[in-house]
Amino acid sequence: MKLSFRSSLARRLVLSVIVVWLMALAFVGGNISGYTIRSAQAAEVRPAEFAIFWEAWDYVVSHFVDRDRVDFTTMTYGAIEGMLASLGDEGHTTFLPPDAVKLHQTSLEGSFEGIGAYVSMEDGHVLIVAPINGSPAEQAGILAGDVIVEVDGESVEGKSLDQVIFLVRGPAESEVVLTVRRPEVQDPVTVSIIRDRIEVPSVSWSPIPNTDVSYVSISQFTAGVDRELEAALREISEVQANKGIILDLRNNPGGFLQQAIQANSQFLPKGDLILIESDANQNQTVHRSRGLGYAREMPLVVLINKGTASAGEITAGALKENDRAFLIGETTFGTGTVLNQFGLSDGSAILLGVTNWLSPNGNLIKGHGVTPDLEIAQPASYKHVNADLLRNLTEDQFSTIEDTQFLRALEQLGVEVHATPLLNAAPHDFVTSE
């Protein structure tokens, strides 16, 4: 291949390819959106604004000494990544090479092959939000709060979140070695993990032993959450002694917008405002509860933390600001952008924030998060309760629970709990819907 792009004809050809990519954006799916949006506007492309880009491109192609490293696809992908990074929507708006597109799609299907951990990008570092219960990551000793610095000896510095996920994931029964930086540990920790097939139930629930309260967890707003949640709440509603629900949204990274709306409709009366979407032209779309849910009258406490994001924040914010639930935990991640996936012509894609969402009271969540009514921070090493644990818990084992946020939620619902070091805040009156 001749490495020359100096002619104006060649420049026009490359520009044409980029314009075709922009015009061929096709809606594939969304991280928290179920809507088709219009194609990119070619009229917004102004070739004169690319003059400096082409100058740099020509210098690289003509003069860079390591000729075997001049790869047009890699250079183009790098340019797209830089463009999206400049938008400042870190950990959300991003570019997916073709191989990463499939990984992203499977993340919302409820099963995949890998180590089983929720991750996020914070301050340029890939952070383990939490290992999935019973996953290879948890069994190998990965902890919430670990920061990934190497994968199989390869530094992840400068890589996007999806690039790191692509390195970590792999076929079941294969090995991956993570080097992590752990809070309060001076030297990096190396952890060997055998990947496996990870099945992640979106909704799980259990009665809480020796109480009249039920526990419900939504791990992610994947397709089918509406049906799973409805089935769980129907069973709970048939328990006549049930006096409340603890809804656990901790470490919920989000999912499909429509699933969040359906979930809120199980708890909110018909017509209650769930969220407001505001697009680039300041057009607003209002979403309200459809009602007819099974849990519109049950007392409700919601658990949130720093790992609660996107559709998880939509749900927490709507339940709080409609005075339907009492929130306990930590301020959420602060995503607040409706994300659409647009496929490009070579199989790659961009995940693009297309609208901001506002809480029912008109609060912008992006960069701020949803604040709890009662803030309780607890160490990342404290193991969260889950439906499996509660389902098999004996009365003696109950006293060993170290999940302070969960125990405080029980107190909020009127359940007497033995004091623990972190249960030091005064009780609050529970707020329910009228």
Protein backbone atom coordinates (compact mmCIF):
# COMPACT_ATOMS: atom_id res chain seq x y z
CA MET A 1 0.00 0.00 0.00
CA LYS A 2 1.33 3.42 -0.91
CA LEU A 3 1.32 5.69 2.15
CA SER A 4 0.35 8.99 0.59
CA PHE A 5 -2.63 11.22 1.26
CA ARG A 6 -1.19 14.48 0.05
CA SER A 7 -3.43 14.99 -2.97
CA SER A 8 -6.68 16.88 -2.55
CA LEU A 9 -8.48 13.98 -4.25
CA ALA A 10 -7.29 11.54 -1.58
CA ARG A 11 -8.34 13.93 1.15
CA ARG A 12 -11.80 14.16 -0.36
CA LEU A 13 -12.05 10.39 -0.53
CA VAL A 14 -11.12 9.94 3.13
CA LEU A 15 -13.46 12.75 4.14
CA SER A 16 -16.21 11.08 2.12
CA VAL A 17 -15.69 7.86 4.07
CA ILE A 18 -16.03 9.73 7.37
CA VAL A 19 -19.12 11.57 6.16
CA VAL A 20 -20.67 8.28 5.00
CA TRP A 21 -19.98 6.83 8.47
CA LEU A 22 -21.72 9.78 10.06
CA MET A 23 -24.71 9.58 7.71
CA ALA A 24 -25.00 5.81 8.09
CA LEU A 25 -25.53 5.88 11.83
CA ALA A 26 -28.17 3.24 12.41
CA PHE A 27 -29.96 2.74 15.70
CA VAL A 28 -29.05 -0.65 17.16
CA GLY A 29 -30.02 -0.42 20.82
CA GLY A 30 -29.45 1.74 23.84
CA ASN A 31 -27.88 1.54 27.22
CA ILE A 32 -30.91 3.21 28.75
CA SER A 33 -32.95 4.12 25.71
CA GLY A 34 -35.50 2.38 23.58
CA TYR A 35 -36.05 5.05 20.99
CA THR A 36 -35.03 5.48 17.38
CA ILE A 37 -33.57 8.90 16.71
CA ARG A 38 -32.88 10.77 13.50
CA SER A 39 -29.74 10.28 11.42
CA ALA A 40 -26.74 12.56 11.75
CA GLN A 41 -27.06 15.82 9.86
CA ALA A 42 -24.51 15.92 7.02
CA ALA A 43 -25.09 19.66 6.69
CA GLU A 44 -23.27 20.15 9.99
CA VAL A 45 -20.01 18.78 8.47
CA ARG A 46 -17.76 21.69 7.48
CA PRO A 47 -14.59 20.41 5.67
CA ALA A 48 -12.68 23.65 6.40
CA GLU A 49 -12.75 22.77 10.09
CA PHE A 50 -10.76 19.62 9.36
CA ALA A 51 -7.76 21.50 7.93
CA ILE A 52 -5.58 21.02 11.01
CA PHE A 53 -6.58 17.36 11.26
CA TRP A 54 -5.48 16.73 7.67
CA GLU A 55 -2.23 18.59 8.25
CA ALA A 56 -1.43 16.28 11.15
CA TRP A 57 -2.57 13.22 9.18
CA ASP A 58 -0.29 14.13 6.25
CA TYR A 59 2.72 14.66 8.49
CA VAL A 60 2.22 11.25 10.13
CA VAL A 61 1.72 9.41 6.84
CA SER A 62 4.62 11.14 5.11
CA HIS A 63 7.23 11.36 7.84
CA PHE A 64 6.61 8.94 10.74
CA VAL A 65 9.68 6.72 10.94
CA ASP A 66 8.08 3.40 11.96
CA ARG A 67 6.25 2.75 8.71
CA ASP A 68 4.84 -0.61 9.82
CA ARG A 69 2.91 1.14 12.60
CA VAL A 70 1.01 3.48 10.29
CA ASP A 71 -2.42 1.84 10.29
CA PHE A 72 -5.29 3.86 8.83
CA THR A 73 -8.01 2.01 10.77
CA THR A 74 -6.22 2.45 14.08
CA MET A 75 -5.61 6.12 13.34
CA THR A 76 -9.25 6.67 12.42
CA TYR A 77 -10.51 4.87 15.53
CA GLY A 78 -8.12 6.90 17.64
CA ALA A 79 -9.45 10.12 16.13
CA ILE A 80 -13.03 9.10 16.91
CA GLU A 81 -12.09 8.15 20.48
CA GLY A 82 -10.40 11.50 20.97
CA MET A 83 -13.41 13.36 19.61
CA LEU A 84 -15.78 11.57 21.97
CA ALA A 85 -13.43 11.94 24.94
CA SER A 86 -13.38 15.70 24.40
CA LEU A 87 -17.14 15.78 25.16
CA GLY A 88 -16.41 15.01 28.82
CA ASP A 89 -19.08 12.32 29.21
CA GLU A 90 -16.54 9.98 30.82
CA GLY A 91 -17.57 6.37 31.31
CA HIS A 92 -20.70 6.84 29.18
CA THR A 93 -20.28 8.32 25.69
CA THR A 94 -17.63 6.14 24.05
CA PHE A 95 -16.45 4.35 20.90
CA LEU A 96 -16.75 0.59 20.43
CA PRO A 97 -14.54 -1.25 17.91
CA PRO A 98 -16.33 -4.13 16.13
CA ASP A 99 -15.12 -6.74 18.64
CA ALA A 100 -16.40 -4.68 21.56
CA VAL A 101 -19.89 -4.18 20.10
CA LYS A 102 -20.87 -7.79 20.76
CA LEU A 103 -19.54 -7.59 24.31
CA HIS A 104 -21.63 -4.50 24.96
CA GLN A 105 -24.77 -6.12 23.58
CA THR A 106 -24.36 -9.24 25.72
CA SER A 107 -23.94 -7.10 28.86
CA LEU A 108 -27.68 -6.34 28.73
CA GLU A 109 -28.77 -9.91 27.96
CA GLY A 110 -28.26 -11.18 31.49
CA SER A 111 -25.45 -13.64 30.74
CA PHE A 112 -21.90 -13.54 29.41
CA GLU A 113 -18.52 -15.23 29.76
CA GLY A 114 -15.96 -13.48 31.93
CA ILE A 115 -15.02 -12.89 35.56
CA GLY A 116 -18.31 -11.42 36.81
CA ALA A 117 -17.75 -7.91 38.16
CA TYR A 118 -19.36 -4.50 37.77
CA VAL A 119 -16.87 -1.82 36.71
CA SER A 120 -16.88 1.92 36.07
CA MET A 121 -14.47 4.58 34.87
CA GLU A 122 -13.57 7.14 37.54
CA ASP A 123 -10.91 9.83 37.06
CA GLY A 124 -9.37 7.86 34.19
CA HIS A 125 -9.12 4.64 36.21
CA VAL A 126 -11.14 1.42 35.82
CA LEU A 127 -12.71 0.73 39.20
CA ILE A 128 -14.29 -2.51 40.41
CA VAL A 129 -17.69 -1.32 41.64
CA ALA A 130 -18.48 -4.79 42.99
CA PRO A 131 -17.91 -8.44 42.10
CA ILE A 132 -21.11 -10.30 41.26
CA ASN A 133 -22.25 -12.61 44.03
CA GLY A 134 -20.77 -16.10 43.59
CA SER A 135 -18.75 -15.06 40.53
CA PRO A 136 -15.17 -16.11 39.69
CA ALA A 137 -14.08 -12.57 40.58
CA GLU A 138 -15.55 -12.83 44.07
CA GLN A 139 -14.17 -16.32 44.62
CA ALA A 140 -10.68 -15.20 43.55
CA GLY A 141 -10.68 -12.34 46.05
CA ILE A 142 -11.49 -9.29 43.92
CA LEU A 143 -12.97 -6.55 46.12
CA ALA A 144 -15.17 -3.53 45.53
CA GLY A 145 -12.87 -0.52 45.27
CA ASP A 146 -10.04 -2.35 43.51
CA VAL A 147 -8.53 -0.36 40.63
CA ILE A 148 -7.35 -2.40 37.62
CA VAL A 149 -3.84 -1.41 36.54
CA GLU A 150 -2.84 -4.41 34.38
CA VAL A 151 -4.56 -7.26 32.55
CA ASP A 152 -2.30 -10.25 31.82
CA GLY A 153 0.70 -8.00 32.39
CA GLU A 154 -0.51 -5.32 29.96
CA SER A 155 -0.99 -1.82 31.38
CA VAL A 156 -4.48 -0.40 30.98
CA GLU A 157 -3.32 3.21 31.33
CA GLY A 158 -4.97 5.38 28.69
CA LYS A 159 -7.45 2.69 27.64
CA SER A 160 -11.20 3.26 27.59
CA LEU A 161 -13.56 1.33 29.84
CA ASP A 162 -14.75 -0.86 26.97
CA GLN A 163 -11.18 -1.61 25.90
CA VAL A 164 -10.38 -2.86 29.40
CA ILE A 165 -13.60 -4.91 29.53
CA PHE A 166 -12.62 -6.48 26.21
CA LEU A 167 -9.26 -7.53 27.69
CA VAL A 168 -10.82 -8.93 30.87
CA ARG A 169 -13.62 -10.91 29.25
CA GLY A 170 -12.96 -14.20 27.53
CA PRO A 171 -14.19 -17.77 27.10
CA ALA A 172 -15.19 -19.85 30.09
CA GLU A 173 -12.42 -21.94 31.71
CA SER A 174 -9.69 -19.61 30.43
CA GLU A 175 -7.43 -17.70 32.82
CA VAL A 176 -6.94 -13.97 33.20
CA VAL A 177 -4.54 -12.29 35.61
CA LEU A 178 -5.49 -8.90 37.01
CA THR A 179 -3.11 -6.56 38.78
CA VAL A 180 -5.11 -4.23 40.99
CA ARG A 181 -4.38 -1.32 43.25
CA ARG A 182 -6.26 -1.77 46.51
CA PRO A 183 -7.14 0.98 49.01
CA GLU A 184 -4.93 0.91 52.11
CA VAL A 185 -2.57 -1.66 50.53
CA GLN A 186 0.79 -0.24 49.52
CA ASP A 187 1.83 -2.66 46.77
CA PRO A 188 -0.32 -3.78 43.80
CA VAL A 189 -2.10 -7.11 44.23
CA THR A 190 -2.04 -9.79 41.52
CA VAL A 191 -5.15 -11.99 41.24
CA SER A 192 -5.53 -15.02 38.95
CA ILE A 193 -9.12 -15.70 37.86
CA ILE A 194 -10.62 -18.56 35.85
CA ARG A 195 -13.39 -17.17 33.69
CA ASP A 196 -16.82 -18.78 33.62
CA ARG A 197 -20.30 -18.38 32.21
CA ILE A 198 -21.91 -15.62 34.27
CA GLU A 199 -25.68 -15.75 34.69
CA VAL A 200 -27.01 -12.57 36.25
CA PRO A 201 -30.66 -12.65 37.34
CA SER A 202 -31.98 -9.14 36.91
CA VAL A 203 -34.53 -9.44 39.71
CA SER A 204 -34.28 -11.58 42.82
CA TRP A 205 -36.25 -11.52 46.04
CA SER A 206 -36.64 -13.21 49.39
CA PRO A 207 -38.69 -12.82 52.54
CA ILE A 208 -36.43 -11.59 55.33
CA PRO A 209 -36.35 -14.22 58.08
CA ASN A 210 -38.20 -13.44 61.32
CA THR A 211 -39.68 -10.24 59.89
CA ASP A 212 -42.72 -9.15 57.93
CA VAL A 213 -40.49 -7.43 55.34
CA SER A 214 -39.39 -8.60 51.89
CA TYR A 215 -36.11 -7.93 50.10
CA VAL A 216 -36.05 -7.21 46.35
CA SER A 217 -32.92 -6.62 44.27
CA ILE A 218 -32.70 -5.26 40.72
CA SER A 219 -29.12 -5.87 39.58
CA GLN A 220 -29.52 -4.27 36.14
CA PHE A 221 -32.37 -3.03 33.97
CA THR A 222 -32.00 -5.67 31.27
CA ALA A 223 -34.72 -6.74 28.85
CA GLY A 224 -37.40 -8.59 30.79
CA VAL A 225 -37.00 -6.79 34.13
CA ASP A 226 -40.63 -5.64 33.88
CA ARG A 227 -41.89 -9.24 33.79
CA GLU A 228 -39.46 -10.48 36.46
CA LEU A 229 -40.29 -7.63 38.84
CA GLU A 230 -44.03 -8.00 38.32
CA ALA A 231 -43.81 -11.72 39.11
CA ALA A 232 -41.77 -11.09 42.27
CA LEU A 233 -44.10 -8.37 43.54
CA ARG A 234 -47.15 -10.48 42.79
CA GLU A 235 -45.76 -13.20 45.04
CA ILE A 236 -44.92 -10.67 47.74
CA SER A 237 -48.41 -9.14 47.58
CA GLU A 238 -49.90 -12.55 48.30
CA VAL A 239 -48.09 -12.66 51.65
CA GLN A 240 -50.74 -11.05 53.86
CA ALA A 241 -48.35 -10.23 56.69
CA ASN A 242 -45.95 -8.31 54.44
CA LYS A 243 -45.34 -4.88 55.96
CA GLY A 244 -42.78 -3.42 53.61
CA ILE A 245 -40.13 -3.86 50.93
CA ILE A 246 -36.42 -3.11 50.85
CA LEU A 247 -35.54 -2.39 47.20
CA ASP A 248 -31.80 -2.83 46.62
CA LEU A 249 -30.42 -0.76 43.72
CA ARG A 250 -26.82 -0.75 44.92
CA ASN A 251 -24.24 -1.33 42.17
CA ASN A 252 -27.02 -1.31 39.56
CA PRO A 253 -25.22 0.13 36.48
CA GLY A 254 -28.43 0.93 34.59
CA GLY A 255 -29.96 -0.56 31.48
CA PHE A 256 -32.96 0.15 29.28
CA LEU A 257 -35.00 3.29 29.90
CA GLN A 258 -38.32 1.58 29.18
CA GLN A 259 -37.54 -1.08 31.78
CA ALA A 260 -36.92 1.63 34.39
CA ILE A 261 -40.26 3.24 33.53
CA GLN A 262 -42.03 -0.11 33.85
CA ALA A 263 -40.32 -0.79 37.17
CA ASN A 264 -41.36 2.58 38.58
CA SER A 265 -44.91 1.91 37.46
CA GLN A 266 -45.01 -1.03 39.88
CA PHE A 267 -44.45 1.34 42.81
CA LEU A 268 -46.00 4.66 41.75
CA PRO A 269 -49.66 5.60 41.22
CA LYS A 270 -50.76 6.22 37.66
CA GLY A 271 -49.72 9.64 36.41
CA ASP A 272 -46.86 10.28 38.81
CA LEU A 273 -43.89 11.88 37.03
CA ILE A 274 -40.91 9.54 36.61
CA LEU A 275 -38.45 11.62 34.58
CA ILE A 276 -38.09 14.38 32.04
CA GLU A 277 -35.82 13.98 29.00
CA SER A 278 -34.18 17.10 27.55
CA ASP A 279 -32.43 16.79 24.17
CA ALA A 280 -29.79 18.90 22.43
CA ASN A 281 -32.47 21.32 21.19
CA GLN A 282 -34.02 21.65 24.68
CA ASN A 283 -37.06 19.65 23.59
CA GLN A 284 -38.53 17.86 26.59
CA THR A 285 -40.31 14.52 26.85
CA VAL A 286 -42.20 13.67 30.02
CA HIS A 287 -42.55 10.09 31.25
CA ARG A 288 -45.21 9.19 33.82
CA SER A 289 -46.15 6.10 35.75
CA ARG A 290 -48.58 3.75 34.07
CA GLY A 291 -49.86 2.58 37.45
CA LEU A 292 -51.58 -0.75 38.05
CA GLY A 293 -48.52 -2.07 39.90
CA TYR A 294 -48.49 -4.59 42.71
CA ALA A 295 -46.53 -2.47 45.21
CA ARG A 296 -48.12 0.97 45.07
CA GLU A 297 -49.17 0.91 48.73
CA MET A 298 -46.42 -1.09 50.45
CA PRO A 299 -43.95 0.88 52.64
CA LEU A 300 -40.71 1.11 50.68
CA VAL A 301 -37.05 1.75 51.51
CA VAL A 302 -34.50 1.95 48.67
CA LEU A 303 -30.78 1.20 49.04
CA ILE A 304 -28.37 3.14 46.80
CA ASN A 305 -24.60 3.69 46.61
CA LYS A 306 -21.89 5.08 44.36
CA GLY A 307 -22.39 2.18 41.95
CA THR A 308 -26.05 3.05 41.34
CA ALA A 309 -26.12 4.65 37.90
CA SER A 310 -28.20 5.55 34.87
CA ALA A 311 -31.58 3.75 34.93
CA GLY A 312 -30.90 2.88 38.57
CA GLU A 313 -30.73 6.61 39.31
CA ILE A 314 -33.92 7.24 37.34
CA THR A 315 -35.72 4.78 39.59
CA ALA A 316 -34.22 6.06 42.85
CA GLY A 317 -34.86 9.69 41.94
CA ALA A 318 -38.47 9.09 40.92
CA LEU A 319 -39.31 7.13 44.07
CA LYS A 320 -37.69 9.75 46.30
CA GLU A 321 -39.16 12.86 44.73
CA ASN A 322 -42.66 11.42 44.55
CA ASP A 323 -42.43 10.87 48.34
CA ARG A 324 -42.90 7.20 47.67
CA ALA A 325 -39.73 5.78 49.25
CA PHE A 326 -37.06 6.55 51.82
CA LEU A 327 -33.51 6.31 50.40
CA ILE A 328 -30.61 4.98 52.46
CA GLY A 329 -26.94 4.71 51.47
CA GLU A 330 -24.63 6.95 49.47
CA THR A 331 -25.02 9.51 46.67
CA THR A 332 -25.31 7.75 43.33
CA PHE A 333 -22.85 7.81 40.42
CA GLY A 334 -24.35 10.82 38.60
CA THR A 335 -24.70 9.56 35.04
CA GLY A 336 -28.00 11.13 34.08
CA THR A 337 -27.59 10.82 30.31
CA VAL A 338 -29.82 8.76 28.05
CA LEU A 339 -27.40 6.76 25.92
CA ASN A 340 -28.08 5.48 22.41
CA GLN A 341 -25.93 3.06 20.43
CA PHE A 342 -25.29 3.95 16.78
CA GLY A 343 -23.78 1.36 14.46
CA LEU A 344 -21.10 2.45 11.98
CA SER A 345 -20.62 0.87 8.56
CA ASP A 346 -17.64 -1.32 9.50
CA GLY A 347 -19.33 -2.96 12.50
CA SER A 348 -17.99 -0.53 15.09
CA ALA A 349 -20.33 1.76 17.01
CA ILE A 350 -20.53 4.84 19.16
CA LEU A 351 -22.45 5.07 22.41
CA LEU A 352 -23.67 8.64 22.51
CA GLY A 353 -25.45 10.63 25.19
CA VAL A 354 -28.42 12.05 23.28
CA THR A 355 -30.54 13.49 26.08
CA ASN A 356 -30.10 14.55 29.69
CA TRP A 357 -32.68 13.33 32.12
CA LEU A 358 -34.15 15.38 34.90
CA SER A 359 -35.74 14.08 38.07
CA PRO A 360 -39.46 14.75 38.73
CA ASN A 361 -38.52 18.00 40.51
CA GLY A 362 -36.42 19.11 37.52
CA ASN A 363 -33.03 18.30 39.02
CA LEU A 364 -30.17 17.48 36.65
CA ILE A 365 -28.60 14.25 37.89
CA LYS A 366 -25.52 14.29 35.64
CA GLY A 367 -22.50 15.15 37.75
CA HIS A 368 -24.58 15.34 40.93
CA GLY A 369 -26.27 11.98 41.47
CA VAL A 370 -29.25 11.19 43.68
CA THR A 371 -28.69 11.89 47.36
CA PRO A 372 -30.11 9.56 50.02
CA ASP A 373 -32.48 10.69 52.75
CA LEU A 374 -30.14 9.02 55.22
CA GLU A 375 -26.48 8.83 54.27
CA ILE A 376 -24.60 5.78 55.52
CA ALA A 377 -21.20 4.98 54.05
CA GLN A 378 -19.76 1.57 54.72
CA PRO A 379 -16.43 -0.05 53.79
CA ALA A 380 -16.24 -1.71 50.38
CA SER A 381 -15.18 -4.91 52.14
CA TYR A 382 -18.59 -5.19 53.83
CA LYS A 383 -20.53 -7.91 52.03
CA HIS A 384 -23.97 -6.84 50.82
CA VAL A 385 -26.89 -9.08 51.60
CA ASN A 386 -28.61 -10.75 48.67
CA ALA A 387 -31.69 -12.86 48.10
CA ASP A 388 -29.78 -16.16 48.19
CA LEU A 389 -28.14 -15.30 51.51
CA LEU A 390 -31.43 -14.21 53.11
CA ARG A 391 -33.31 -17.22 51.80
CA ASN A 392 -30.98 -19.60 53.64
CA LEU A 393 -30.23 -17.49 56.70
CA THR A 394 -30.74 -18.90 60.17
CA GLU A 395 -31.71 -16.80 63.17
CA ASP A 396 -28.20 -17.14 64.62
CA GLN A 397 -26.57 -16.11 61.34
CA PHE A 398 -28.76 -13.00 61.11
CA SER A 399 -26.77 -11.36 63.91
CA THR A 400 -23.56 -11.70 61.84
CA ILE A 401 -24.79 -9.50 58.95
CA GLU A 402 -22.37 -6.59 58.47
CA ASP A 403 -24.36 -4.80 55.76
CA THR A 404 -25.14 -1.66 57.77
CA GLN A 405 -27.21 -0.01 55.07
CA PHE A 406 -29.50 -3.04 54.91
CA LEU A 407 -29.83 -3.21 58.70
CA ARG A 408 -30.72 0.49 58.83
CA ALA A 409 -33.40 -0.09 56.20
CA LEU A 410 -34.93 -2.75 58.43
CA GLU A 411 -35.04 -0.28 61.31
CA GLN A 412 -36.68 2.26 59.05
CA LEU A 413 -39.45 -0.26 58.43
CA GLY A 414 -39.94 -0.85 62.15
CA VAL A 415 -37.85 -4.01 62.56
CA GLU A 416 -35.76 -4.10 65.75
CA VAL A 417 -32.10 -4.67 64.89
CA HIS A 418 -29.22 -5.23 67.28
CA ALA A 419 -26.91 -2.19 67.37
CA THR A 420 -23.79 -2.18 65.20
CA PRO A 421 -20.93 0.37 65.19
CA LEU A 422 -22.24 2.24 62.16
CA LEU A 423 -25.90 2.37 63.19
CA ASN A 424 -25.52 5.77 64.77
CA ALA A 425 -28.04 7.97 63.01
CA ALA A 426 -31.40 8.93 64.45
CA PRO A 427 -34.49 7.25 62.98
CA HIS A 428 -36.58 9.15 60.45
CA ASP A 429 -40.30 9.06 59.94
CA PHE A 430 -41.13 6.87 56.96
CA VAL A 431 -42.67 8.62 53.99
CA THR A 432 -45.21 6.80 51.87
CA SER A 433 -47.60 7.72 49.07
CA GLU A 434 -51.10 8.90 49.79
